[in-house]
């Protein structure tokens, strides 16, 4: 490897590290801002509350996003496309709308392109239109990866905390407490996203909503089959009566056995899943490393019609591999 290629690789690595550090900083500042909002009502605010660097960056970003919204809303296709992001909006905690996500995706795509152009200018290289398109696509769909990953993480956290919530509810019913008192105990005892859902149910019941409506909303928000057991059982008990302690003892036993079985199956397939994920990302990592070391390495494939055919065959084989292996290691629920 020549000295020039080493310098080029180091410059790209530094730019990548700067982007990662900026993302981590932005994420930590966002968490700190949320915590400040939660604690603000319990503390005395400063008279002169100077805006931080994070607030300035966020305000600039929101201004850009609003300008993009006005432009993108003129397209009926993009408006229809934005409707798919409604599932990521919590209307009780956020003022965002569907088009905000699409605008953010365009902004991220443009930022990635700008970073790529700066990287090439620093190295005195020329950038091709194909590289700009690839960079924009990576930035454009990075938000989707983040949202889907966060949604899966929240769902997994809820599944893990649900057994604890059911156990607390069962013990509370055994001590003779009412449903609303039980829900209050649960949201005070557990943490995480499930705590927020039980707290919301508690406030809904205090505001006068009937039990059936509250638990139906809870089931629609969480979308867990175990929550369906709880909702159906409470609805039946509320209309026909019965021993709620025995019913919840049965639900607790069923959920515990299901979770135990699921954990055992996950342990059996953990090695296969890890190998599948590693083999899935290795081609991308090798391609990126080779491209950073020598950007002209793939030119014979891109500039030659036969090379394009080879690339399409490789992509097709890669997609078939992902489809077949994911089907093999997937555990179906019965």
C-alpha atoms as a PDB file:
ATOM      1  CA  UNK A   1       0.000   0.000   0.000  1.00  0.00           C
ATOM      2  CA  UNK A   2       1.403   3.367  -1.030  1.00  0.00           C
ATOM      3  CA  UNK A   3       1.895   6.291   1.319  1.00  0.00           C
ATOM      4  CA  UNK A   4      -0.811   8.234  -0.548  1.00  0.00           C
ATOM      5  CA  UNK A   5      -3.360   5.479   0.047  1.00  0.00           C
ATOM      6  CA  UNK A   6      -2.459   5.392   3.735  1.00  0.00           C
ATOM      7  CA  UNK A   7      -3.038   9.146   4.032  1.00  0.00           C
ATOM      8  CA  UNK A   8      -6.333   8.846   2.170  1.00  0.00           C
ATOM      9  CA  UNK A   9      -7.456   6.031   4.437  1.00  0.00           C
ATOM     10  CA  UNK A  10      -6.533   8.031   7.560  1.00  0.00           C
ATOM     11  CA  UNK A  11      -8.455  11.091   6.334  1.00  0.00           C
ATOM     12  CA  UNK A  12     -11.564   8.999   5.653  1.00  0.00           C
ATOM     13  CA  UNK A  13     -11.212   7.330   9.049  1.00  0.00           C
ATOM     14  CA  UNK A  14     -10.947  10.684  10.834  1.00  0.00           C
ATOM     15  CA  UNK A  15     -14.041  12.010   9.050  1.00  0.00           C
ATOM     16  CA  UNK A  16     -15.952   8.833   9.925  1.00  0.00           C
ATOM     17  CA  UNK A  17     -14.915   9.118  13.591  1.00  0.00           C
ATOM     18  CA  UNK A  18     -15.992  12.771  13.643  1.00  0.00           C
ATOM     19  CA  UNK A  19     -19.429  11.790  12.318  1.00  0.00           C
ATOM     20  CA  UNK A  20     -19.757   9.010  14.923  1.00  0.00           C
ATOM     21  CA  UNK A  21     -18.704  11.337  17.756  1.00  0.00           C
ATOM     22  CA  UNK A  22     -21.170  13.989  16.560  1.00  0.00           C
ATOM     23  CA  UNK A  23     -23.972  11.413  16.465  1.00  0.00           C
ATOM     24  CA  UNK A  24     -23.156  10.161  19.991  1.00  0.00           C
ATOM     25  CA  UNK A  25     -22.989  13.718  21.300  1.00  0.00           C
ATOM     26  CA  UNK A  26     -26.320  14.591  19.714  1.00  0.00           C
ATOM     27  CA  UNK A  27     -27.908  11.429  21.174  1.00  0.00           C
ATOM     28  CA  UNK A  28     -26.601  12.151  24.699  1.00  0.00           C
ATOM     29  CA  UNK A  29     -27.730  15.768  24.500  1.00  0.00           C
ATOM     30  CA  UNK A  30     -31.184  14.614  23.394  1.00  0.00           C
ATOM     31  CA  UNK A  31     -31.448  12.297  26.399  1.00  0.00           C
ATOM     32  CA  UNK A  32     -30.287  15.102  28.692  1.00  0.00           C
ATOM     33  CA  UNK A  33     -32.862  17.456  27.207  1.00  0.00           C
ATOM     34  CA  UNK A  34     -35.656  14.925  27.823  1.00  0.00           C
ATOM     35  CA  UNK A  35     -34.505  14.495  31.423  1.00  0.00           C
ATOM     36  CA  UNK A  36     -34.430  18.265  31.905  1.00  0.00           C
ATOM     37  CA  UNK A  37     -38.006  18.553  30.662  1.00  0.00           C
ATOM     38  CA  UNK A  38     -39.146  15.853  33.099  1.00  0.00           C
ATOM     39  CA  UNK A  39     -37.424  17.544  36.046  1.00  0.00           C
ATOM     40  CA  UNK A  40     -38.268  21.110  35.054  1.00  0.00           C
ATOM     41  CA  UNK A  41     -41.646  21.110  36.798  1.00  0.00           C
ATOM     42  CA  UNK A  42     -39.973  20.101  40.060  1.00  0.00           C
ATOM     43  CA  UNK A  43     -37.239  22.744  39.969  1.00  0.00           C
ATOM     44  CA  UNK A  44     -36.862  26.506  39.782  1.00  0.00           C
ATOM     45  CA  UNK A  45     -35.903  27.695  36.325  1.00  0.00           C
ATOM     46  CA  UNK A  46     -33.113  30.221  35.791  1.00  0.00           C
ATOM     47  CA  UNK A  47     -34.075  33.797  35.061  1.00  0.00           C
ATOM     48  CA  UNK A  48     -31.494  34.050  32.254  1.00  0.00           C
ATOM     49  CA  UNK A  49     -31.510  30.672  30.555  1.00  0.00           C
ATOM     50  CA  UNK A  50     -28.887  30.990  27.834  1.00  0.00           C
ATOM     51  CA  UNK A  51     -29.265  28.671  24.887  1.00  0.00           C
ATOM     52  CA  UNK A  52     -26.647  25.945  24.587  1.00  0.00           C
ATOM     53  CA  UNK A  53     -24.875  24.830  21.442  1.00  0.00           C
ATOM     54  CA  UNK A  54     -27.221  21.861  21.275  1.00  0.00           C
ATOM     55  CA  UNK A  55     -30.262  24.176  21.334  1.00  0.00           C
ATOM     56  CA  UNK A  56     -28.807  26.282  18.529  1.00  0.00           C
ATOM     57  CA  UNK A  57     -28.098  23.217  16.363  1.00  0.00           C
ATOM     58  CA  UNK A  58     -31.548  21.804  17.065  1.00  0.00           C
ATOM     59  CA  UNK A  59     -33.257  25.095  16.188  1.00  0.00           C
ATOM     60  CA  UNK A  60     -31.328  25.305  12.916  1.00  0.00           C
ATOM     61  CA  UNK A  61     -32.243  21.708  12.103  1.00  0.00           C
ATOM     62  CA  UNK A  62     -35.932  22.322  12.888  1.00  0.00           C
ATOM     63  CA  UNK A  63     -35.882  25.422  10.689  1.00  0.00           C
ATOM     64  CA  UNK A  64     -34.407  23.416   7.792  1.00  0.00           C
ATOM     65  CA  UNK A  65     -36.903  20.636   8.366  1.00  0.00           C
ATOM     66  CA  UNK A  66     -39.854  23.029   8.319  1.00  0.00           C
ATOM     67  CA  UNK A  67     -38.640  24.555   5.045  1.00  0.00           C
ATOM     68  CA  UNK A  68     -38.328  21.068   3.544  1.00  0.00           C
ATOM     69  CA  UNK A  69     -41.825  20.251   4.790  1.00  0.00           C
ATOM     70  CA  UNK A  70     -43.333  23.151   2.876  1.00  0.00           C
ATOM     71  CA  UNK A  71     -41.559  22.016  -0.278  1.00  0.00           C
ATOM     72  CA  UNK A  72     -42.244  18.273   0.051  1.00  0.00           C
ATOM     73  CA  UNK A  73     -45.928  18.699   0.904  1.00  0.00           C
ATOM     74  CA  UNK A  74     -46.480  19.939  -2.639  1.00  0.00           C
ATOM     75  CA  UNK A  75     -45.877  16.391  -3.880  1.00  0.00           C
ATOM     76  CA  UNK A  76     -48.865  14.022  -3.422  1.00  0.00           C
ATOM     77  CA  UNK A  77     -46.509  11.035  -3.778  1.00  0.00           C
ATOM     78  CA  UNK A  78     -44.327  12.158  -0.868  1.00  0.00           C
ATOM     79  CA  UNK A  79     -47.381  12.955   1.244  1.00  0.00           C
ATOM     80  CA  UNK A  80     -48.657   9.432   0.664  1.00  0.00           C
ATOM     81  CA  UNK A  81     -45.183   8.033   1.378  1.00  0.00           C
ATOM     82  CA  UNK A  82     -45.002   9.931   4.686  1.00  0.00           C
ATOM     83  CA  UNK A  83     -48.167   8.219   5.991  1.00  0.00           C
ATOM     84  CA  UNK A  84     -46.099   5.088   6.616  1.00  0.00           C
ATOM     85  CA  UNK A  85     -44.274   6.895   9.451  1.00  0.00           C
ATOM     86  CA  UNK A  86     -47.402   7.530  11.501  1.00  0.00           C
ATOM     87  CA  UNK A  87     -46.660   4.359  13.515  1.00  0.00           C
ATOM     88  CA  UNK A  88     -43.489   6.003  14.854  1.00  0.00           C
ATOM     89  CA  UNK A  89     -45.316   9.043  16.243  1.00  0.00           C
ATOM     90  CA  UNK A  90     -46.454   9.216  19.854  1.00  0.00           C
ATOM     91  CA  UNK A  91     -49.148  11.873  19.683  1.00  0.00           C
ATOM     92  CA  UNK A  92     -49.197  12.291  23.474  1.00  0.00           C
ATOM     93  CA  UNK A  93     -45.476  13.035  23.730  1.00  0.00           C
ATOM     94  CA  UNK A  94     -44.466  14.516  20.391  1.00  0.00           C
ATOM     95  CA  UNK A  95     -45.662  17.284  18.102  1.00  0.00           C
ATOM     96  CA  UNK A  96     -44.012  15.735  15.049  1.00  0.00           C
ATOM     97  CA  UNK A  97     -45.950  14.911  11.928  1.00  0.00           C
ATOM     98  CA  UNK A  98     -45.378  12.276   9.253  1.00  0.00           C
ATOM     99  CA  UNK A  99     -43.684  14.619   6.794  1.00  0.00           C
ATOM    100  CA  UNK A 100     -41.060  15.536   9.420  1.00  0.00           C
ATOM    101  CA  UNK A 101     -39.533  12.083   9.016  1.00  0.00           C
ATOM    102  CA  UNK A 102     -39.328  12.393   5.230  1.00  0.00           C
ATOM    103  CA  UNK A 103     -37.750  15.852   5.530  1.00  0.00           C
ATOM    104  CA  UNK A 104     -35.231  14.496   8.037  1.00  0.00           C
ATOM    105  CA  UNK A 105     -34.329  11.695   5.618  1.00  0.00           C
ATOM    106  CA  UNK A 106     -33.649  14.190   2.831  1.00  0.00           C
ATOM    107  CA  UNK A 107     -31.530  16.338   5.162  1.00  0.00           C
ATOM    108  CA  UNK A 108     -29.491  13.311   6.292  1.00  0.00           C
ATOM    109  CA  UNK A 109     -28.964  12.267   2.682  1.00  0.00           C
ATOM    110  CA  UNK A 110     -27.716  15.740   1.758  1.00  0.00           C
ATOM    111  CA  UNK A 111     -25.418  15.859   4.812  1.00  0.00           C
ATOM    112  CA  UNK A 112     -23.842  12.514   3.894  1.00  0.00           C
ATOM    113  CA  UNK A 113     -23.256  13.785   0.347  1.00  0.00           C
ATOM    114  CA  UNK A 114     -21.642  16.980   1.716  1.00  0.00           C
ATOM    115  CA  UNK A 115     -19.369  14.922   3.985  1.00  0.00           C
ATOM    116  CA  UNK A 116     -18.355  12.753   1.038  1.00  0.00           C
ATOM    117  CA  UNK A 117     -17.634  15.789  -1.141  1.00  0.00           C
ATOM    118  CA  UNK A 118     -15.522  17.387   1.619  1.00  0.00           C
ATOM    119  CA  UNK A 119     -13.607  14.128   2.008  1.00  0.00           C
ATOM    120  CA  UNK A 120     -12.834  14.032  -1.720  1.00  0.00           C
ATOM    121  CA  UNK A 121     -11.896  17.715  -1.854  1.00  0.00           C
ATOM    122  CA  UNK A 122      -9.443  17.271   1.044  1.00  0.00           C
ATOM    123  CA  UNK A 123      -7.824  14.365  -0.832  1.00  0.00           C
ATOM    124  CA  UNK A 124      -7.875  16.215  -4.199  1.00  0.00           C
ATOM    125  CA  UNK A 125      -9.997  13.457  -5.765  1.00  0.00           C
ATOM    126  CA  UNK A 126     -12.870  13.744  -8.210  1.00  0.00           C
ATOM    127  CA  UNK A 127     -16.247  12.384  -7.196  1.00  0.00           C
ATOM    128  CA  UNK A 128     -18.574  10.587  -9.608  1.00  0.00           C
ATOM    129  CA  UNK A 129     -22.335  10.914  -9.876  1.00  0.00           C
ATOM    130  CA  UNK A 130     -22.706   7.238  -8.949  1.00  0.00           C
ATOM    131  CA  UNK A 131     -20.872   7.823  -5.633  1.00  0.00           C
ATOM    132  CA  UNK A 132     -23.095  10.804  -4.854  1.00  0.00           C
ATOM    133  CA  UNK A 133     -26.226   8.687  -5.438  1.00  0.00           C
ATOM    134  CA  UNK A 134     -24.893   5.886  -3.193  1.00  0.00           C
ATOM    135  CA  UNK A 135     -24.027   8.374  -0.427  1.00  0.00           C
ATOM    136  CA  UNK A 136     -27.458  10.004  -0.616  1.00  0.00           C
ATOM    137  CA  UNK A 137     -29.213   6.608  -0.452  1.00  0.00           C
ATOM    138  CA  UNK A 138     -27.171   5.597   2.609  1.00  0.00           C
ATOM    139  CA  UNK A 139     -28.028   8.839   4.390  1.00  0.00           C
ATOM    140  CA  UNK A 140     -31.653   8.760   3.260  1.00  0.00           C
ATOM    141  CA  UNK A 141     -32.379   5.282   4.652  1.00  0.00           C
ATOM    142  CA  UNK A 142     -30.243   5.586   7.809  1.00  0.00           C
ATOM    143  CA  UNK A 143     -33.234   7.055   9.660  1.00  0.00           C
ATOM    144  CA  UNK A 144     -35.343   4.003   8.759  1.00  0.00           C
ATOM    145  CA  UNK A 145     -32.679   1.703  10.196  1.00  0.00           C
ATOM    146  CA  UNK A 146     -32.632   3.746  13.409  1.00  0.00           C
ATOM    147  CA  UNK A 147     -36.415   3.859  13.783  1.00  0.00           C
ATOM    148  CA  UNK A 148     -36.888   0.141  13.110  1.00  0.00           C
ATOM    149  CA  UNK A 149     -34.040  -0.769  15.486  1.00  0.00           C
ATOM    150  CA  UNK A 150     -35.451   1.442  18.221  1.00  0.00           C
ATOM    151  CA  UNK A 151     -38.936   0.000  17.722  1.00  0.00           C
ATOM    152  CA  UNK A 152     -37.587  -3.555  18.032  1.00  0.00           C
ATOM    153  CA  UNK A 153     -35.601  -2.595  21.140  1.00  0.00           C
ATOM    154  CA  UNK A 154     -38.666  -1.056  22.807  1.00  0.00           C
ATOM    155  CA  UNK A 155     -40.787  -4.099  21.952  1.00  0.00           C
ATOM    156  CA  UNK A 156     -38.140  -6.455  23.327  1.00  0.00           C
ATOM    157  CA  UNK A 157     -37.909  -4.397  26.519  1.00  0.00           C
ATOM    158  CA  UNK A 158     -41.686  -4.524  26.912  1.00  0.00           C
ATOM    159  CA  UNK A 159     -41.724  -8.295  26.439  1.00  0.00           C
ATOM    160  CA  UNK A 160     -39.110  -8.685  29.163  1.00  0.00           C
ATOM    161  CA  UNK A 161     -40.911  -6.351  31.595  1.00  0.00           C
ATOM    162  CA  UNK A 162     -44.400  -7.712  30.966  1.00  0.00           C
ATOM    163  CA  UNK A 163     -43.908 -10.825  33.117  1.00  0.00           C
ATOM    164  CA  UNK A 164     -42.851  -8.628  36.022  1.00  0.00           C
ATOM    165  CA  UNK A 165     -45.927  -6.428  35.503  1.00  0.00           C
ATOM    166  CA  UNK A 166     -48.250  -9.458  35.417  1.00  0.00           C
ATOM    167  CA  UNK A 167     -46.660 -10.824  38.621  1.00  0.00           C
ATOM    168  CA  UNK A 168     -47.191  -7.482  40.376  1.00  0.00           C
ATOM    169  CA  UNK A 169     -50.812  -7.366  39.164  1.00  0.00           C
ATOM    170  CA  UNK A 170     -51.448 -10.906  40.386  1.00  0.00           C
ATOM    171  CA  UNK A 171     -49.998 -10.166  43.835  1.00  0.00           C
ATOM    172  CA  UNK A 172     -51.970  -6.928  44.015  1.00  0.00           C
ATOM    173  CA  UNK A 173     -55.237  -8.702  43.183  1.00  0.00           C
ATOM    174  CA  UNK A 174     -54.457 -11.307  45.833  1.00  0.00           C
ATOM    175  CA  UNK A 175     -54.199  -8.511  48.405  1.00  0.00           C
ATOM    176  CA  UNK A 176     -57.688  -7.303  47.438  1.00  0.00           C
ATOM    177  CA  UNK A 177     -56.813  -4.141  45.522  1.00  0.00           C
ATOM    178  CA  UNK A 178     -58.908  -2.766  42.664  1.00  0.00           C
ATOM    179  CA  UNK A 179     -57.837  -2.614  39.030  1.00  0.00           C
ATOM    180  CA  UNK A 180     -56.967   1.072  39.091  1.00  0.00           C
ATOM    181  CA  UNK A 181     -54.945   0.641  42.294  1.00  0.00           C
ATOM    182  CA  UNK A 182     -53.170  -2.321  40.713  1.00  0.00           C
ATOM    183  CA  UNK A 183     -52.261  -0.319  37.614  1.00  0.00           C
ATOM    184  CA  UNK A 184     -50.915   2.466  39.824  1.00  0.00           C
ATOM    185  CA  UNK A 185     -48.719   0.001  41.719  1.00  0.00           C
ATOM    186  CA  UNK A 186     -47.387  -1.475  38.477  1.00  0.00           C
ATOM    187  CA  UNK A 187     -46.304   1.796  36.924  1.00  0.00           C
ATOM    188  CA  UNK A 188     -44.590   2.817  40.169  1.00  0.00           C
ATOM    189  CA  UNK A 189     -42.708  -0.477  40.473  1.00  0.00           C
ATOM    190  CA  UNK A 190     -41.426  -1.062  36.914  1.00  0.00           C
ATOM    191  CA  UNK A 191     -39.198   0.956  34.602  1.00  0.00           C
ATOM    192  CA  UNK A 192     -38.841   1.427  30.888  1.00  0.00           C
ATOM    193  CA  UNK A 193     -41.415   1.950  28.119  1.00  0.00           C
ATOM    194  CA  UNK A 194     -43.961  -0.356  29.779  1.00  0.00           C
ATOM    195  CA  UNK A 195     -44.012   1.948  32.798  1.00  0.00           C
ATOM    196  CA  UNK A 196     -45.179   4.792  30.564  1.00  0.00           C
ATOM    197  CA  UNK A 197     -47.985   2.652  29.140  1.00  0.00           C
ATOM    198  CA  UNK A 198     -49.326   1.693  32.578  1.00  0.00           C
ATOM    199  CA  UNK A 199     -49.033   5.288  33.737  1.00  0.00           C
ATOM    200  CA  UNK A 200     -51.057   6.366  30.714  1.00  0.00           C
ATOM    201  CA  UNK A 201     -53.713   3.759  31.525  1.00  0.00           C
ATOM    202  CA  UNK A 202     -53.862   4.980  35.108  1.00  0.00           C
ATOM    203  CA  UNK A 203     -54.459   8.569  34.025  1.00  0.00           C
ATOM    204  CA  UNK A 204     -57.049   7.475  31.432  1.00  0.00           C
ATOM    205  CA  UNK A 205     -59.017   5.628  34.119  1.00  0.00           C
ATOM    206  CA  UNK A 206     -58.813   8.639  36.442  1.00  0.00           C
ATOM    207  CA  UNK A 207     -60.135  10.845  33.655  1.00  0.00           C
ATOM    208  CA  UNK A 208     -63.253   8.670  33.467  1.00  0.00           C
ATOM    209  CA  UNK A 209     -62.630   6.362  30.525  1.00  0.00           C
ATOM    210  CA  UNK A 210     -64.156   2.932  30.871  1.00  0.00           C
ATOM    211  CA  UNK A 211     -61.966  -0.101  31.495  1.00  0.00           C
ATOM    212  CA  UNK A 212     -62.654  -1.710  28.113  1.00  0.00           C
ATOM    213  CA  UNK A 213     -61.602   1.375  26.152  1.00  0.00           C
ATOM    214  CA  UNK A 214     -58.438   1.870  28.203  1.00  0.00           C
ATOM    215  CA  UNK A 215     -57.216  -1.701  27.774  1.00  0.00           C
ATOM    216  CA  UNK A 216     -58.132  -1.797  24.085  1.00  0.00           C
ATOM    217  CA  UNK A 217     -56.005   1.298  23.540  1.00  0.00           C
ATOM    218  CA  UNK A 218     -53.226  -0.301  25.567  1.00  0.00           C
ATOM    219  CA  UNK A 219     -53.358  -3.441  23.420  1.00  0.00           C
ATOM    220  CA  UNK A 220     -53.357  -1.436  20.175  1.00  0.00           C
ATOM    221  CA  UNK A 221     -50.316   0.560  21.272  1.00  0.00           C
ATOM    222  CA  UNK A 222     -48.219  -2.315  22.603  1.00  0.00           C
ATOM    223  CA  UNK A 223     -49.242  -5.060  20.134  1.00  0.00           C
ATOM    224  CA  UNK A 224     -48.152  -8.013  22.292  1.00  0.00           C
ATOM    225  CA  UNK A 225     -50.162 -11.231  22.394  1.00  0.00           C
ATOM    226  CA  UNK A 226     -49.692 -11.487  26.181  1.00  0.00           C
ATOM    227  CA  UNK A 227     -51.389  -8.103  26.537  1.00  0.00           C
ATOM    228  CA  UNK A 228     -54.278  -9.571  24.545  1.00  0.00           C
ATOM    229  CA  UNK A 229     -54.629 -12.244  27.238  1.00  0.00           C
ATOM    230  CA  UNK A 230     -54.850  -9.594  29.939  1.00  0.00           C
ATOM    231  CA  UNK A 231     -57.279  -7.408  28.003  1.00  0.00           C
ATOM    232  CA  UNK A 232     -59.623 -10.265  27.106  1.00  0.00           C
ATOM    233  CA  UNK A 233     -59.581 -11.655  30.648  1.00  0.00           C
ATOM    234  CA  UNK A 234     -60.351  -8.296  32.243  1.00  0.00           C
ATOM    235  CA  UNK A 235     -63.135  -7.605  29.762  1.00  0.00           C
ATOM    236  CA  UNK A 236     -64.784 -10.955  30.513  1.00  0.00           C
ATOM    237  CA  UNK A 237     -64.369 -10.560  34.265  1.00  0.00           C
ATOM    238  CA  UNK A 238     -65.724  -7.020  34.128  1.00  0.00           C
ATOM    239  CA  UNK A 239     -68.913  -8.168  32.350  1.00  0.00           C
ATOM    240  CA  UNK A 240     -69.538 -11.635  33.823  1.00  0.00           C
ATOM    241  CA  UNK A 241     -67.641 -11.620  37.107  1.00  0.00           C
ATOM    242  CA  UNK A 242     -65.363 -14.363  38.391  1.00  0.00           C
ATOM    243  CA  UNK A 243     -62.232 -15.029  40.396  1.00  0.00           C
ATOM    244  CA  UNK A 244     -59.711 -12.533  39.070  1.00  0.00           C
ATOM    245  CA  UNK A 245     -56.902 -14.002  41.216  1.00  0.00           C
ATOM    246  CA  UNK A 246     -57.155 -17.456  39.661  1.00  0.00           C
ATOM    247  CA  UNK A 247     -57.387 -15.981  36.164  1.00  0.00           C
ATOM    248  CA  UNK A 248     -54.257 -13.875  36.613  1.00  0.00           C
ATOM    249  CA  UNK A 249     -52.427 -16.775  38.234  1.00  0.00           C
ATOM    250  CA  UNK A 250     -53.149 -18.768  35.091  1.00  0.00           C
ATOM    251  CA  UNK A 251     -51.996 -15.872  32.875  1.00  0.00           C
ATOM    252  CA  UNK A 252     -48.802 -15.489  34.908  1.00  0.00           C
ATOM    253  CA  UNK A 253     -48.029 -19.205  34.617  1.00  0.00           C
ATOM    254  CA  UNK A 254     -48.717 -19.196  30.859  1.00  0.00           C
ATOM    255  CA  UNK A 255     -46.570 -16.133  30.182  1.00  0.00           C
ATOM    256  CA  UNK A 256     -43.758 -17.511  32.354  1.00  0.00           C
ATOM    257  CA  UNK A 257     -43.751 -20.854  30.516  1.00  0.00           C
ATOM    258  CA  UNK A 258     -43.851 -19.124  27.112  1.00  0.00           C
ATOM    259  CA  UNK A 259     -40.954 -16.855  28.034  1.00  0.00           C
ATOM    260  CA  UNK A 260     -38.945 -19.783  29.388  1.00  0.00           C
ATOM    261  CA  UNK A 261     -39.525 -21.758  26.192  1.00  0.00           C
ATOM    262  CA  UNK A 262     -38.666 -18.739  24.031  1.00  0.00           C
ATOM    263  CA  UNK A 263     -35.432 -18.135  25.965  1.00  0.00           C
ATOM    264  CA  UNK A 264     -34.403 -21.778  25.527  1.00  0.00           C
ATOM    265  CA  UNK A 265     -35.080 -21.635  21.787  1.00  0.00           C
ATOM    266  CA  UNK A 266     -33.163 -18.374  21.486  1.00  0.00           C
ATOM    267  CA  UNK A 267     -30.181 -19.886  23.296  1.00  0.00           C
ATOM    268  CA  UNK A 268     -30.210 -22.861  20.934  1.00  0.00           C
ATOM    269  CA  UNK A 269     -30.201 -20.633  17.854  1.00  0.00           C
ATOM    270  CA  UNK A 270     -28.002 -17.827  19.209  1.00  0.00           C
ATOM    271  CA  UNK A 271     -24.815 -19.111  17.584  1.00  0.00           C
ATOM    272  CA  UNK A 272     -26.551 -19.582  14.219  1.00  0.00           C
ATOM    273  CA  UNK A 273     -28.035 -16.080  14.360  1.00  0.00           C
ATOM    274  CA  UNK A 274     -24.689 -14.539  15.292  1.00  0.00           C
ATOM    275  CA  UNK A 275     -22.972 -16.318  12.384  1.00  0.00           C
ATOM    276  CA  UNK A 276     -25.782 -15.237  10.039  1.00  0.00           C
ATOM    277  CA  UNK A 277     -25.451 -11.561  11.037  1.00  0.00           C
ATOM    278  CA  UNK A 278     -21.649 -11.648  10.768  1.00  0.00           C
ATOM    279  CA  UNK A 279     -21.700 -13.217   7.311  1.00  0.00           C
ATOM    280  CA  UNK A 280     -24.375 -10.712   6.255  1.00  0.00           C
ATOM    281  CA  UNK A 281     -22.319  -7.606   7.056  1.00  0.00           C
ATOM    282  CA  UNK A 282     -18.857  -8.918   6.078  1.00  0.00           C
ATOM    283  CA  UNK A 283     -19.306  -8.201   2.313  1.00  0.00           C
ATOM    284  CA  UNK A 284     -20.237  -4.581   3.043  1.00  0.00           C
ATOM    285  CA  UNK A 285     -17.336  -4.097   5.469  1.00  0.00           C
ATOM    286  CA  UNK A 286     -14.808  -5.602   3.056  1.00  0.00           C
ATOM    287  CA  UNK A 287     -16.200  -3.541   0.180  1.00  0.00           C
ATOM    288  CA  UNK A 288     -15.956  -0.300   2.183  1.00  0.00           C
ATOM    289  CA  UNK A 289     -12.411  -1.049   3.401  1.00  0.00           C
ATOM    290  CA  UNK A 290     -11.212  -1.947  -0.103  1.00  0.00           C
ATOM    291  CA  UNK A 291     -12.858   1.178  -1.541  1.00  0.00           C
ATOM    292  CA  UNK A 292     -11.185   3.419   1.046  1.00  0.00           C
ATOM    293  CA  UNK A 293      -7.801   1.838   0.341  1.00  0.00           C
ATOM    294  CA  UNK A 294      -8.161   1.997  -3.429  1.00  0.00           C
ATOM    295  CA  UNK A 295     -11.201   3.832  -4.897  1.00  0.00           C
ATOM    296  CA  UNK A 296     -10.301   2.597  -8.407  1.00  0.00           C
ATOM    297  CA  UNK A 297     -10.384  -1.073  -7.412  1.00  0.00           C
ATOM    298  CA  UNK A 298     -13.998  -1.588  -8.542  1.00  0.00           C
ATOM    299  CA  UNK A 299     -13.757   0.520 -11.710  1.00  0.00           C
ATOM    300  CA  UNK A 300     -13.363  -2.511 -14.047  1.00  0.00           C
ATOM    301  CA  UNK A 301     -16.668  -3.880 -12.748  1.00  0.00           C
ATOM    302  CA  UNK A 302     -18.563  -0.598 -12.944  1.00  0.00           C
ATOM    303  CA  UNK A 303     -17.251   0.510 -16.352  1.00  0.00           C
ATOM    304  CA  UNK A 304     -17.708  -2.851 -18.093  1.00  0.00           C
ATOM    305  CA  UNK A 305     -21.132  -4.280 -19.091  1.00  0.00           C
ATOM    306  CA  UNK A 306     -19.920  -7.753 -18.121  1.00  0.00           C
ATOM    307  CA  UNK A 307     -18.893  -6.355 -14.754  1.00  0.00           C
ATOM    308  CA  UNK A 308     -22.401  -4.931 -14.232  1.00  0.00           C
ATOM    309  CA  UNK A 309     -23.833  -8.385 -14.933  1.00  0.00           C
ATOM    310  CA  UNK A 310     -21.423  -9.892 -12.391  1.00  0.00           C
ATOM    311  CA  UNK A 311     -22.496  -7.332  -9.781  1.00  0.00           C
ATOM    312  CA  UNK A 312     -26.171  -8.102 -10.394  1.00  0.00           C
ATOM    313  CA  UNK A 313     -25.481 -11.840 -10.053  1.00  0.00           C
ATOM    314  CA  UNK A 314     -23.604 -11.264  -6.796  1.00  0.00           C
ATOM    315  CA  UNK A 315     -26.447  -9.127  -5.417  1.00  0.00           C
ATOM    316  CA  UNK A 316     -29.016 -11.759  -6.456  1.00  0.00           C
ATOM    317  CA  UNK A 317     -27.008 -14.559  -4.810  1.00  0.00           C
ATOM    318  CA  UNK A 318     -26.590 -12.417  -1.688  1.00  0.00           C
ATOM    319  CA  UNK A 319     -30.337 -11.761  -1.437  1.00  0.00           C
ATOM    320  CA  UNK A 320     -31.116 -15.454  -1.951  1.00  0.00           C
ATOM    321  CA  UNK A 321     -28.627 -16.309   0.789  1.00  0.00           C
ATOM    322  CA  UNK A 322     -30.260 -13.850   3.221  1.00  0.00           C
ATOM    323  CA  UNK A 323     -33.751 -15.144   2.390  1.00  0.00           C
ATOM    324  CA  UNK A 324     -32.874 -18.844   2.724  1.00  0.00           C
ATOM    325  CA  UNK A 325     -30.811 -18.558   5.914  1.00  0.00           C
ATOM    326  CA  UNK A 326     -33.351 -16.260   7.600  1.00  0.00           C
ATOM    327  CA  UNK A 327     -36.057 -18.825   6.864  1.00  0.00           C
ATOM    328  CA  UNK A 328     -33.920 -21.609   8.346  1.00  0.00           C
ATOM    329  CA  UNK A 329     -33.110 -19.862  11.634  1.00  0.00           C
ATOM    330  CA  UNK A 330     -36.494 -18.185  12.088  1.00  0.00           C
ATOM    331  CA  UNK A 331     -38.589 -19.565  14.947  1.00  0.00           C
ATOM    332  CA  UNK A 332     -42.284 -19.686  14.194  1.00  0.00           C
ATOM    333  CA  UNK A 333     -44.777 -19.125  16.964  1.00  0.00           C
ATOM    334  CA  UNK A 334     -47.665 -21.552  17.235  1.00  0.00           C
END
